[in-house]
C-alpha cells in the first residue's frame, strides 16, 4: 500500500543513515524503481527500511510503497536490528554490539532456546527424566537463527559474540577507529587477552609496532623481591637438598612474597576459567539468590586478604 512519507514516523533511537549508501540507493531506485517496500506498523512507525525511505526522499517522492506488519514490542526491535545488519560500513565493534542486542531480544522472545536450559533438558533426558513438556524448544537457538539469517557459520557468530562481550571499552574504541587495520581474527585474539593488556595490544597493532596479536608481549612486571634460588647441577643434588635434615627452611621476606605472588597468579588463572564460554553460557540462568550467595562467598576472600594485610602492617618494624 502507498503511504504518504510525511505520515511515517522514525524513532530517534534508530541508527543514523550513511549518506553515501543513501545516494547509491537513490541512484538505483531512480533506474529500476523500489524493488522492496519498507515495513511499518499499524501506527505508521517505521520498522525496517530507513535507507530506502531516505533515498526516495532524496528523489523527491511524496509517497512510498509499504508493507504493514503487526509486529510489536520485542518483535519490532528484532526486525529493526536485523535491518541494521544490512548496512554497509558497520565497524566490527558496532557489528558485535548489534549481535549482543539481537541475542538479548531473541532470548527474551524465545527463552526456551537459551543454551543453559537446552543443556539442562538434554542432561535430564540422558538420565531418564521426562522434561519434554517443560523444556521443549520451539525455535532455533540464537546462534543457529542468526547464522542462517546472516549467511555465516555458527562458529562465526560465536566468535563475534565472544569478541563483543570480552573487549574492554578502551579496546573497542581503538578498534572502532582503526578502520580495517584490525581484522576480526585479531579482534578476537585481543578479546582473549587480560583486560589490562587489550588496549596496549590494539594500539601496537594499529601503529604497526607488531604485525599480529601473537607478537604482543605484555610489559614485564617489576616485583619488589628477588625470587632467585639455588641452582642444582643434577637431579641427585636437588633430592639430597630436599632430604637434608639440617637445611634452614625458615622464611625470609623474599621467599614469602614469592610464594604469595605465585598463589595470586594461580588464583587469577583459575578464576579466568569461569569466563570461558563453557561457563558463561549458564550465566543468564543464575537466580538473584544464587548471585547474592556468590557475592557473599567472594566477599569472604576479600575480607581474609584484608585481615592478612592488616596483620602484616601491624607487625612491620617501625
C-alpha atoms as a PDB file:
ATOM      1  CA  UNK A   1       0.000   0.000   0.000  1.00  0.00           C
ATOM      2  CA  UNK A   2       1.112   3.559  -0.683  1.00  0.00           C
ATOM      3  CA  UNK A   3       1.603   5.749   2.388  1.00  0.00           C
ATOM      4  CA  UNK A   4       2.444   9.487   2.440  1.00  0.00           C
ATOM      5  CA  UNK A   5       6.065   9.872   3.513  1.00  0.00           C
ATOM      6  CA  UNK A   6       5.141  12.754   5.787  1.00  0.00           C
ATOM      7  CA  UNK A   7       2.993  10.369   7.866  1.00  0.00           C
ATOM      8  CA  UNK A   8       5.765   7.839   8.542  1.00  0.00           C
ATOM      9  CA  UNK A   9       7.328   8.198  11.993  1.00  0.00           C
ATOM     10  CA  UNK A  10      11.005   7.328  12.540  1.00  0.00           C
ATOM     11  CA  UNK A  11      12.272   6.649  16.059  1.00  0.00           C
ATOM     12  CA  UNK A  12      15.010   8.965  17.349  1.00  0.00           C
ATOM     13  CA  UNK A  13      16.834   5.884  18.655  1.00  0.00           C
ATOM     14  CA  UNK A  14      17.438   4.425  15.192  1.00  0.00           C
ATOM     15  CA  UNK A  15      20.991   4.482  13.852  1.00  0.00           C
ATOM     16  CA  UNK A  16      21.962   7.335  11.578  1.00  0.00           C
ATOM     17  CA  UNK A  17      21.951   6.597   7.860  1.00  0.00           C
ATOM     18  CA  UNK A  18      25.119   6.635   5.768  1.00  0.00           C
ATOM     19  CA  UNK A  19      24.827   9.425   3.146  1.00  0.00           C
ATOM     20  CA  UNK A  20      26.879   7.515   0.554  1.00  0.00           C
ATOM     21  CA  UNK A  21      24.618   4.466   0.899  1.00  0.00           C
ATOM     22  CA  UNK A  22      21.502   6.612   0.616  1.00  0.00           C
ATOM     23  CA  UNK A  23      22.843   8.240  -2.583  1.00  0.00           C
ATOM     24  CA  UNK A  24      23.764   4.881  -4.120  1.00  0.00           C
ATOM     25  CA  UNK A  25      20.330   3.501  -3.269  1.00  0.00           C
ATOM     26  CA  UNK A  26      18.639   6.601  -4.718  1.00  0.00           C
ATOM     27  CA  UNK A  27      20.552   6.126  -7.983  1.00  0.00           C
ATOM     28  CA  UNK A  28      19.412   2.502  -8.124  1.00  0.00           C
ATOM     29  CA  UNK A  29      15.763   3.326  -7.326  1.00  0.00           C
ATOM     30  CA  UNK A  30      15.699   6.055  -9.970  1.00  0.00           C
ATOM     31  CA  UNK A  31      16.787   3.439 -12.521  1.00  0.00           C
ATOM     32  CA  UNK A  32      14.913   0.255 -11.566  1.00  0.00           C
ATOM     33  CA  UNK A  33      12.365   1.519  -9.058  1.00  0.00           C
ATOM     34  CA  UNK A  34      11.750   0.478  -5.446  1.00  0.00           C
ATOM     35  CA  UNK A  35      12.067  -3.314  -5.519  1.00  0.00           C
ATOM     36  CA  UNK A  36      11.266  -3.943  -1.832  1.00  0.00           C
ATOM     37  CA  UNK A  37       8.662  -1.970   0.150  1.00  0.00           C
ATOM     38  CA  UNK A  38       9.605  -0.563   3.527  1.00  0.00           C
ATOM     39  CA  UNK A  39       7.925  -2.019   6.635  1.00  0.00           C
ATOM     40  CA  UNK A  40       5.736  -0.048   9.029  1.00  0.00           C
ATOM     41  CA  UNK A  41       3.369  -0.958  11.849  1.00  0.00           C
ATOM     42  CA  UNK A  42      -0.289  -0.113  12.120  1.00  0.00           C
ATOM     43  CA  UNK A  43       0.512   3.342  13.504  1.00  0.00           C
ATOM     44  CA  UNK A  44       2.882   4.152  10.587  1.00  0.00           C
ATOM     45  CA  UNK A  45       6.004   3.719  12.729  1.00  0.00           C
ATOM     46  CA  UNK A  46       8.966   2.622  10.624  1.00  0.00           C
ATOM     47  CA  UNK A  47      10.067  -0.955  11.389  1.00  0.00           C
ATOM     48  CA  UNK A  48      12.524  -1.601   8.554  1.00  0.00           C
ATOM     49  CA  UNK A  49      13.791   0.333   5.527  1.00  0.00           C
ATOM     50  CA  UNK A  50      15.280   3.603   6.797  1.00  0.00           C
ATOM     51  CA  UNK A  51      17.849   3.844   3.984  1.00  0.00           C
ATOM     52  CA  UNK A  52      15.164   3.201   1.366  1.00  0.00           C
ATOM     53  CA  UNK A  53      12.953   5.856   2.955  1.00  0.00           C
ATOM     54  CA  UNK A  54      15.753   8.439   2.926  1.00  0.00           C
ATOM     55  CA  UNK A  55      16.645   7.520  -0.663  1.00  0.00           C
ATOM     56  CA  UNK A  56      13.152   8.196  -2.006  1.00  0.00           C
ATOM     57  CA  UNK A  57      13.043  11.444  -0.019  1.00  0.00           C
ATOM     58  CA  UNK A  58      16.223  12.414  -1.865  1.00  0.00           C
ATOM     59  CA  UNK A  59      14.392  11.681  -5.135  1.00  0.00           C
ATOM     60  CA  UNK A  60      11.520  13.948  -4.106  1.00  0.00           C
ATOM     61  CA  UNK A  61       8.893  11.236  -3.658  1.00  0.00           C
ATOM     62  CA  UNK A  62       5.873  12.085  -1.516  1.00  0.00           C
ATOM     63  CA  UNK A  63       4.570   8.515  -1.157  1.00  0.00           C
ATOM     64  CA  UNK A  64       6.239   5.134  -0.740  1.00  0.00           C
ATOM     65  CA  UNK A  65       5.094   1.528  -1.011  1.00  0.00           C
ATOM     66  CA  UNK A  66       4.821  -0.026   2.460  1.00  0.00           C
ATOM     67  CA  UNK A  67       4.190  -3.421   3.986  1.00  0.00           C
ATOM     68  CA  UNK A  68       2.200  -3.166   7.199  1.00  0.00           C
ATOM     69  CA  UNK A  69       3.128  -5.603   9.945  1.00  0.00           C
ATOM     70  CA  UNK A  70       1.525  -6.450  13.253  1.00  0.00           C
ATOM     71  CA  UNK A  71       4.961  -6.761  14.885  1.00  0.00           C
ATOM     72  CA  UNK A  72       5.025  -5.058  18.249  1.00  0.00           C
ATOM     73  CA  UNK A  73       7.460  -4.551  21.062  1.00  0.00           C
ATOM     74  CA  UNK A  74      10.351  -7.014  21.013  1.00  0.00           C
ATOM     75  CA  UNK A  75       9.454  -8.361  17.567  1.00  0.00           C
ATOM     76  CA  UNK A  76       9.689  -4.850  16.151  1.00  0.00           C
ATOM     77  CA  UNK A  77      13.010  -4.346  17.932  1.00  0.00           C
ATOM     78  CA  UNK A  78      14.317  -7.593  16.431  1.00  0.00           C
ATOM     79  CA  UNK A  79      13.231  -6.546  12.942  1.00  0.00           C
ATOM     80  CA  UNK A  80      14.983  -3.202  13.385  1.00  0.00           C
ATOM     81  CA  UNK A  81      18.231  -4.888  14.471  1.00  0.00           C
ATOM     82  CA  UNK A  82      18.061  -7.275  11.505  1.00  0.00           C
ATOM     83  CA  UNK A  83      17.606  -4.303   9.206  1.00  0.00           C
ATOM     84  CA  UNK A  84      20.717  -2.660  10.657  1.00  0.00           C
ATOM     85  CA  UNK A  85      22.818  -5.721   9.768  1.00  0.00           C
ATOM     86  CA  UNK A  86      22.493  -4.987   6.041  1.00  0.00           C
ATOM     87  CA  UNK A  87      24.088  -1.583   6.430  1.00  0.00           C
ATOM     88  CA  UNK A  88      27.429  -1.132   4.777  1.00  0.00           C
ATOM     89  CA  UNK A  89      30.334   0.293   6.719  1.00  0.00           C
ATOM     90  CA  UNK A  90      29.488  -1.216  10.105  1.00  0.00           C
ATOM     91  CA  UNK A  91      32.637  -1.461  12.185  1.00  0.00           C
ATOM     92  CA  UNK A  92      33.499  -4.767  13.839  1.00  0.00           C
ATOM     93  CA  UNK A  93      32.603  -3.250  17.196  1.00  0.00           C
ATOM     94  CA  UNK A  94      29.199  -1.978  16.012  1.00  0.00           C
ATOM     95  CA  UNK A  95      28.514  -5.319  14.347  1.00  0.00           C
ATOM     96  CA  UNK A  96      29.367  -7.185  17.551  1.00  0.00           C
ATOM     97  CA  UNK A  97      27.178  -4.913  19.665  1.00  0.00           C
ATOM     98  CA  UNK A  98      24.303  -5.481  17.241  1.00  0.00           C
ATOM     99  CA  UNK A  99      24.778  -9.218  17.755  1.00  0.00           C
ATOM    100  CA  UNK A 100      24.639  -8.786  21.535  1.00  0.00           C
ATOM    101  CA  UNK A 101      21.441  -6.753  21.198  1.00  0.00           C
ATOM    102  CA  UNK A 102      19.921  -9.369  18.876  1.00  0.00           C
ATOM    103  CA  UNK A 103      20.835 -12.143  21.318  1.00  0.00           C
ATOM    104  CA  UNK A 104      19.201 -10.263  24.184  1.00  0.00           C
ATOM    105  CA  UNK A 105      15.966  -9.699  22.236  1.00  0.00           C
ATOM    106  CA  UNK A 106      15.857 -13.170  20.681  1.00  0.00           C
ATOM    107  CA  UNK A 107      16.278 -14.966  24.005  1.00  0.00           C
ATOM    108  CA  UNK A 108      13.603 -12.807  25.623  1.00  0.00           C
ATOM    109  CA  UNK A 109      11.257 -13.818  22.808  1.00  0.00           C
ATOM    110  CA  UNK A 110      12.354 -17.475  22.924  1.00  0.00           C
ATOM    111  CA  UNK A 111      13.588 -18.231  26.462  1.00  0.00           C
ATOM    112  CA  UNK A 112      13.408 -21.965  25.753  1.00  0.00           C
ATOM    113  CA  UNK A 113      16.338 -21.620  23.346  1.00  0.00           C
ATOM    114  CA  UNK A 114      18.863 -20.476  25.953  1.00  0.00           C
ATOM    115  CA  UNK A 115      21.822 -22.815  25.961  1.00  0.00           C
ATOM    116  CA  UNK A 116      21.645 -23.360  29.705  1.00  0.00           C
ATOM    117  CA  UNK A 117      18.029 -24.527  29.523  1.00  0.00           C
ATOM    118  CA  UNK A 118      18.681 -26.694  26.470  1.00  0.00           C
ATOM    119  CA  UNK A 119      21.682 -28.329  28.136  1.00  0.00           C
ATOM    120  CA  UNK A 120      19.726 -28.933  31.325  1.00  0.00           C
ATOM    121  CA  UNK A 121      16.953 -30.604  29.315  1.00  0.00           C
ATOM    122  CA  UNK A 122      19.437 -32.844  27.493  1.00  0.00           C
ATOM    123  CA  UNK A 123      21.123 -33.861  30.757  1.00  0.00           C
ATOM    124  CA  UNK A 124      17.760 -34.691  32.346  1.00  0.00           C
ATOM    125  CA  UNK A 125      16.685 -36.777  29.379  1.00  0.00           C
ATOM    126  CA  UNK A 126      20.028 -38.614  29.451  1.00  0.00           C
ATOM    127  CA  UNK A 127      19.347 -39.835  32.989  1.00  0.00           C
ATOM    128  CA  UNK A 128      15.752 -40.767  32.218  1.00  0.00           C
ATOM    129  CA  UNK A 129      13.848 -37.716  33.485  1.00  0.00           C
ATOM    130  CA  UNK A 130      10.914 -36.700  31.315  1.00  0.00           C
ATOM    131  CA  UNK A 131      11.305 -32.959  30.796  1.00  0.00           C
ATOM    132  CA  UNK A 132       9.929 -32.750  27.274  1.00  0.00           C
ATOM    133  CA  UNK A 133       6.804 -30.884  28.316  1.00  0.00           C
ATOM    134  CA  UNK A 134       8.601 -28.177  30.286  1.00  0.00           C
ATOM    135  CA  UNK A 135      11.778 -27.867  28.221  1.00  0.00           C
ATOM    136  CA  UNK A 136      10.687 -28.453  24.641  1.00  0.00           C
ATOM    137  CA  UNK A 137      12.386 -25.980  22.313  1.00  0.00           C
ATOM    138  CA  UNK A 138      10.072 -24.319  19.805  1.00  0.00           C
ATOM    139  CA  UNK A 139      12.724 -22.372  17.907  1.00  0.00           C
ATOM    140  CA  UNK A 140      16.291 -22.489  16.728  1.00  0.00           C
ATOM    141  CA  UNK A 141      18.930 -21.282  19.137  1.00  0.00           C
ATOM    142  CA  UNK A 142      20.072 -17.696  18.777  1.00  0.00           C
ATOM    143  CA  UNK A 143      23.326 -18.812  17.124  1.00  0.00           C
ATOM    144  CA  UNK A 144      21.533 -21.079  14.631  1.00  0.00           C
ATOM    145  CA  UNK A 145      18.901 -18.484  13.746  1.00  0.00           C
ATOM    146  CA  UNK A 146      21.410 -15.648  13.376  1.00  0.00           C
ATOM    147  CA  UNK A 147      23.846 -17.721  11.324  1.00  0.00           C
ATOM    148  CA  UNK A 148      21.014 -18.634   8.925  1.00  0.00           C
ATOM    149  CA  UNK A 149      19.836 -15.028   8.665  1.00  0.00           C
ATOM    150  CA  UNK A 150      23.325 -13.619   8.014  1.00  0.00           C
ATOM    151  CA  UNK A 151      24.542 -16.486   5.841  1.00  0.00           C
ATOM    152  CA  UNK A 152      27.562 -17.341   8.008  1.00  0.00           C
ATOM    153  CA  UNK A 153      28.610 -20.318  10.113  1.00  0.00           C
ATOM    154  CA  UNK A 154      27.511 -20.737  13.743  1.00  0.00           C
ATOM    155  CA  UNK A 155      31.192 -20.642  14.735  1.00  0.00           C
ATOM    156  CA  UNK A 156      31.498 -17.157  13.209  1.00  0.00           C
ATOM    157  CA  UNK A 157      28.588 -15.928  15.321  1.00  0.00           C
ATOM    158  CA  UNK A 158      30.025 -17.477  18.494  1.00  0.00           C
ATOM    159  CA  UNK A 159      33.424 -15.863  17.903  1.00  0.00           C
ATOM    160  CA  UNK A 160      31.906 -12.447  17.222  1.00  0.00           C
ATOM    161  CA  UNK A 161      29.742 -12.672  20.337  1.00  0.00           C
ATOM    162  CA  UNK A 162      32.796 -13.628  22.403  1.00  0.00           C
ATOM    163  CA  UNK A 163      34.712 -10.675  20.981  1.00  0.00           C
ATOM    164  CA  UNK A 164      31.914  -8.208  21.691  1.00  0.00           C
ATOM    165  CA  UNK A 165      31.426  -9.476  25.269  1.00  0.00           C
ATOM    166  CA  UNK A 166      35.067  -9.596  26.331  1.00  0.00           C
ATOM    167  CA  UNK A 167      36.616  -6.495  24.733  1.00  0.00           C
ATOM    168  CA  UNK A 168      37.166  -3.608  27.149  1.00  0.00           C
ATOM    169  CA  UNK A 169      35.605  -0.216  26.281  1.00  0.00           C
ATOM    170  CA  UNK A 170      39.090   1.215  25.606  1.00  0.00           C
ATOM    171  CA  UNK A 171      39.986  -1.613  23.209  1.00  0.00           C
ATOM    172  CA  UNK A 172      36.611  -1.270  21.463  1.00  0.00           C
ATOM    173  CA  UNK A 173      37.214   2.419  20.825  1.00  0.00           C
ATOM    174  CA  UNK A 174      40.660   1.747  19.340  1.00  0.00           C
ATOM    175  CA  UNK A 175      39.297  -0.992  17.075  1.00  0.00           C
ATOM    176  CA  UNK A 176      36.306   1.141  16.048  1.00  0.00           C
ATOM    177  CA  UNK A 177      38.627   3.967  14.945  1.00  0.00           C
ATOM    178  CA  UNK A 178      41.153   1.651  13.294  1.00  0.00           C
ATOM    179  CA  UNK A 179      39.039   1.157  10.163  1.00  0.00           C
ATOM    180  CA  UNK A 180      40.272  -2.103   8.595  1.00  0.00           C
ATOM    181  CA  UNK A 181      43.662  -2.261  10.318  1.00  0.00           C
ATOM    182  CA  UNK A 182      42.409  -4.789  12.862  1.00  0.00           C
ATOM    183  CA  UNK A 183      40.797  -7.919  11.423  1.00  0.00           C
ATOM    184  CA  UNK A 184      38.006  -9.944  13.020  1.00  0.00           C
ATOM    185  CA  UNK A 185      40.513 -12.641  13.958  1.00  0.00           C
ATOM    186  CA  UNK A 186      42.820 -10.077  15.560  1.00  0.00           C
ATOM    187  CA  UNK A 187      39.928  -8.527  17.480  1.00  0.00           C
ATOM    188  CA  UNK A 188      39.001 -11.997  18.776  1.00  0.00           C
ATOM    189  CA  UNK A 189      42.579 -12.603  19.956  1.00  0.00           C
ATOM    190  CA  UNK A 190      42.683  -9.178  21.639  1.00  0.00           C
ATOM    191  CA  UNK A 191      39.427 -10.005  23.470  1.00  0.00           C
ATOM    192  CA  UNK A 192      41.112 -13.090  24.921  1.00  0.00           C
ATOM    193  CA  UNK A 193      43.941 -11.055  26.476  1.00  0.00           C
ATOM    194  CA  UNK A 194      43.707  -9.907  30.106  1.00  0.00           C
ATOM    195  CA  UNK A 195      41.649  -6.678  30.225  1.00  0.00           C
ATOM    196  CA  UNK A 196      44.625  -4.574  31.330  1.00  0.00           C
ATOM    197  CA  UNK A 197      46.588  -5.536  28.178  1.00  0.00           C
ATOM    198  CA  UNK A 198      43.910  -5.225  25.484  1.00  0.00           C
ATOM    199  CA  UNK A 199      44.206  -1.508  24.715  1.00  0.00           C
ATOM    200  CA  UNK A 200      48.008  -1.653  24.531  1.00  0.00           C
ATOM    201  CA  UNK A 201      47.923  -4.648  22.157  1.00  0.00           C
ATOM    202  CA  UNK A 202      45.330  -2.947  19.948  1.00  0.00           C
ATOM    203  CA  UNK A 203      47.399   0.253  19.796  1.00  0.00           C
ATOM    204  CA  UNK A 204      50.582  -1.617  18.902  1.00  0.00           C
ATOM    205  CA  UNK A 205      48.724  -3.388  16.095  1.00  0.00           C
ATOM    206  CA  UNK A 206      47.268  -0.134  14.728  1.00  0.00           C
ATOM    207  CA  UNK A 207      50.623   1.673  14.728  1.00  0.00           C
ATOM    208  CA  UNK A 208      52.497  -1.272  13.220  1.00  0.00           C
ATOM    209  CA  UNK A 209      54.664  -1.997  16.248  1.00  0.00           C
ATOM    210  CA  UNK A 210      53.506  -5.606  15.911  1.00  0.00           C
ATOM    211  CA  UNK A 211      52.174  -7.388  12.840  1.00  0.00           C
ATOM    212  CA  UNK A 212      49.861  -9.765  14.717  1.00  0.00           C
ATOM    213  CA  UNK A 213      48.405 -10.142  18.191  1.00  0.00           C
ATOM    214  CA  UNK A 214      50.530 -13.264  18.618  1.00  0.00           C
ATOM    215  CA  UNK A 215      53.605 -10.993  18.669  1.00  0.00           C
ATOM    216  CA  UNK A 216      52.299  -8.920  21.574  1.00  0.00           C
ATOM    217  CA  UNK A 217      54.452  -9.112  24.695  1.00  0.00           C
ATOM    218  CA  UNK A 218      52.994  -7.744  27.953  1.00  0.00           C
ATOM    219  CA  UNK A 219      55.348  -5.366  29.756  1.00  0.00           C
ATOM    220  CA  UNK A 220      57.456  -7.174  32.351  1.00  0.00           C
ATOM    221  CA  UNK A 221      56.163  -6.676  35.858  1.00  0.00           C
ATOM    222  CA  UNK A 222      58.596  -5.238  38.376  1.00  0.00           C
ATOM    223  CA  UNK A 223      58.369  -7.036  41.703  1.00  0.00           C
ATOM    224  CA  UNK A 224      59.949  -5.775  44.944  1.00  0.00           C
ATOM    225  CA  UNK A 225      61.659  -9.054  45.774  1.00  0.00           C
ATOM    226  CA  UNK A 226      64.205 -11.482  44.380  1.00  0.00           C
ATOM    227  CA  UNK A 227      62.992 -14.979  43.598  1.00  0.00           C
ATOM    228  CA  UNK A 228      66.364 -16.308  42.518  1.00  0.00           C
ATOM    229  CA  UNK A 229      67.011 -19.620  44.261  1.00  0.00           C
ATOM    230  CA  UNK A 230      69.838 -22.076  44.425  1.00  0.00           C
ATOM    231  CA  UNK A 231      70.542 -23.947  41.191  1.00  0.00           C
ATOM    232  CA  UNK A 232      71.499 -27.625  41.272  1.00  0.00           C
ATOM    233  CA  UNK A 233      73.812 -29.258  38.743  1.00  0.00           C
ATOM    234  CA  UNK A 234      71.985 -32.600  38.859  1.00  0.00           C
ATOM    235  CA  UNK A 235      68.667 -34.029  39.999  1.00  0.00           C
ATOM    236  CA  UNK A 236      70.559 -36.021  42.617  1.00  0.00           C
ATOM    237  CA  UNK A 237      71.825 -32.799  44.217  1.00  0.00           C
ATOM    238  CA  UNK A 238      68.301 -31.443  44.292  1.00  0.00           C
ATOM    239  CA  UNK A 239      66.969 -34.599  46.001  1.00  0.00           C
ATOM    240  CA  UNK A 240      69.818 -34.553  48.501  1.00  0.00           C
ATOM    241  CA  UNK A 241      68.986 -30.950  49.361  1.00  0.00           C
ATOM    242  CA  UNK A 242      65.342 -31.867  49.967  1.00  0.00           C
ATOM    243  CA  UNK A 243      66.379 -34.711  52.302  1.00  0.00           C
ATOM    244  CA  UNK A 244      68.867 -32.615  54.246  1.00  0.00           C
ATOM    245  CA  UNK A 245      67.503 -32.533  57.834  1.00  0.00           C
ATOM    246  CA  UNK A 246      69.792 -29.657  58.796  1.00  0.00           C
ATOM    247  CA  UNK A 247      68.650 -27.355  55.980  1.00  0.00           C
ATOM    248  CA  UNK A 248      67.392 -23.949  57.084  1.00  0.00           C
ATOM    249  CA  UNK A 249      63.724 -23.894  55.975  1.00  0.00           C
ATOM    250  CA  UNK A 250      62.809 -20.658  57.691  1.00  0.00           C
ATOM    251  CA  UNK A 251      61.107 -17.921  55.665  1.00  0.00           C
ATOM    252  CA  UNK A 252      62.732 -14.716  54.549  1.00  0.00           C
ATOM    253  CA  UNK A 253      60.687 -11.819  53.118  1.00  0.00           C
ATOM    254  CA  UNK A 254      61.678 -12.545  49.506  1.00  0.00           C
ATOM    255  CA  UNK A 255      60.673 -16.196  49.787  1.00  0.00           C
ATOM    256  CA  UNK A 256      57.362 -15.363  51.481  1.00  0.00           C
ATOM    257  CA  UNK A 257      56.466 -12.741  48.819  1.00  0.00           C
ATOM    258  CA  UNK A 258      57.480 -15.108  46.053  1.00  0.00           C
ATOM    259  CA  UNK A 259      55.120 -17.809  47.341  1.00  0.00           C
ATOM    260  CA  UNK A 260      52.265 -15.349  47.851  1.00  0.00           C
ATOM    261  CA  UNK A 261      52.787 -13.959  44.362  1.00  0.00           C
ATOM    262  CA  UNK A 262      52.654 -17.472  42.888  1.00  0.00           C
ATOM    263  CA  UNK A 263      49.414 -18.119  44.783  1.00  0.00           C
ATOM    264  CA  UNK A 264      47.864 -14.898  43.418  1.00  0.00           C
ATOM    265  CA  UNK A 265      48.863 -15.771  39.838  1.00  0.00           C
ATOM    266  CA  UNK A 266      47.331 -19.220  40.247  1.00  0.00           C
ATOM    267  CA  UNK A 267      44.123 -17.677  41.612  1.00  0.00           C
ATOM    268  CA  UNK A 268      43.811 -15.349  38.595  1.00  0.00           C
ATOM    269  CA  UNK A 269      44.415 -18.272  36.248  1.00  0.00           C
ATOM    270  CA  UNK A 270      41.778 -20.399  37.975  1.00  0.00           C
ATOM    271  CA  UNK A 271      39.157 -17.635  38.174  1.00  0.00           C
ATOM    272  CA  UNK A 272      39.635 -16.840  34.460  1.00  0.00           C
ATOM    273  CA  UNK A 273      38.202 -20.263  33.652  1.00  0.00           C
ATOM    274  CA  UNK A 274      34.765 -19.063  34.759  1.00  0.00           C
ATOM    275  CA  UNK A 275      34.744 -16.536  31.883  1.00  0.00           C
ATOM    276  CA  UNK A 276      35.090 -19.316  29.346  1.00  0.00           C
ATOM    277  CA  UNK A 277      32.030 -19.724  27.085  1.00  0.00           C
ATOM    278  CA  UNK A 278      31.564 -23.204  28.588  1.00  0.00           C
ATOM    279  CA  UNK A 279      30.707 -21.438  31.864  1.00  0.00           C
ATOM    280  CA  UNK A 280      29.241 -18.108  30.731  1.00  0.00           C
ATOM    281  CA  UNK A 281      26.557 -19.920  28.765  1.00  0.00           C
ATOM    282  CA  UNK A 282      24.691 -20.562  32.038  1.00  0.00           C
ATOM    283  CA  UNK A 283      25.069 -17.018  33.443  1.00  0.00           C
ATOM    284  CA  UNK A 284      21.569 -15.972  32.236  1.00  0.00           C
ATOM    285  CA  UNK A 285      20.021 -18.803  34.268  1.00  0.00           C
ATOM    286  CA  UNK A 286      21.631 -17.876  37.600  1.00  0.00           C
ATOM    287  CA  UNK A 287      19.000 -16.594  40.030  1.00  0.00           C
ATOM    288  CA  UNK A 288      19.318 -13.385  42.120  1.00  0.00           C
ATOM    289  CA  UNK A 289      19.537 -15.549  45.258  1.00  0.00           C
ATOM    290  CA  UNK A 290      22.433 -17.516  43.776  1.00  0.00           C
ATOM    291  CA  UNK A 291      24.187 -14.296  42.717  1.00  0.00           C
ATOM    292  CA  UNK A 292      23.873 -12.889  46.244  1.00  0.00           C
ATOM    293  CA  UNK A 293      25.396 -16.110  47.576  1.00  0.00           C
ATOM    294  CA  UNK A 294      28.353 -15.771  45.186  1.00  0.00           C
ATOM    295  CA  UNK A 295      28.874 -12.167  46.275  1.00  0.00           C
ATOM    296  CA  UNK A 296      28.931 -13.281  49.902  1.00  0.00           C
ATOM    297  CA  UNK A 297      31.389 -16.118  49.214  1.00  0.00           C
ATOM    298  CA  UNK A 298      33.735 -13.943  47.153  1.00  0.00           C
ATOM    299  CA  UNK A 299      33.459 -11.301  49.854  1.00  0.00           C
ATOM    300  CA  UNK A 300      34.996 -13.736  52.342  1.00  0.00           C
ATOM    301  CA  UNK A 301      38.097 -13.929  50.118  1.00  0.00           C
ATOM    302  CA  UNK A 302      38.424 -10.161  50.087  1.00  0.00           C
ATOM    303  CA  UNK A 303      37.922  -9.924  53.860  1.00  0.00           C
ATOM    304  CA  UNK A 304      40.532 -12.618  54.532  1.00  0.00           C
ATOM    305  CA  UNK A 305      43.068 -10.834  52.334  1.00  0.00           C
ATOM    306  CA  UNK A 306      42.436  -7.508  54.065  1.00  0.00           C
ATOM    307  CA  UNK A 307      42.847  -9.132  57.507  1.00  0.00           C
ATOM    308  CA  UNK A 308      46.177 -10.644  56.416  1.00  0.00           C
ATOM    309  CA  UNK A 309      47.456  -7.329  55.047  1.00  0.00           C
ATOM    310  CA  UNK A 310      46.466  -5.564  58.280  1.00  0.00           C
ATOM    311  CA  UNK A 311      48.306  -8.177  60.334  1.00  0.00           C
ATOM    312  CA  UNK A 312      51.432  -7.732  58.194  1.00  0.00           C
ATOM    313  CA  UNK A 313      51.236  -3.965  58.604  1.00  0.00           C
ATOM    314  CA  UNK A 314      50.829  -4.191  62.394  1.00  0.00           C
ATOM    315  CA  UNK A 315      53.868  -6.462  62.612  1.00  0.00           C
ATOM    316  CA  UNK A 316      56.186  -4.380  60.438  1.00  0.00           C
ATOM    317  CA  UNK A 317      59.150  -2.707  62.083  1.00  0.00           C
ATOM    318  CA  UNK A 318      58.544   0.966  62.678  1.00  0.00           C
END
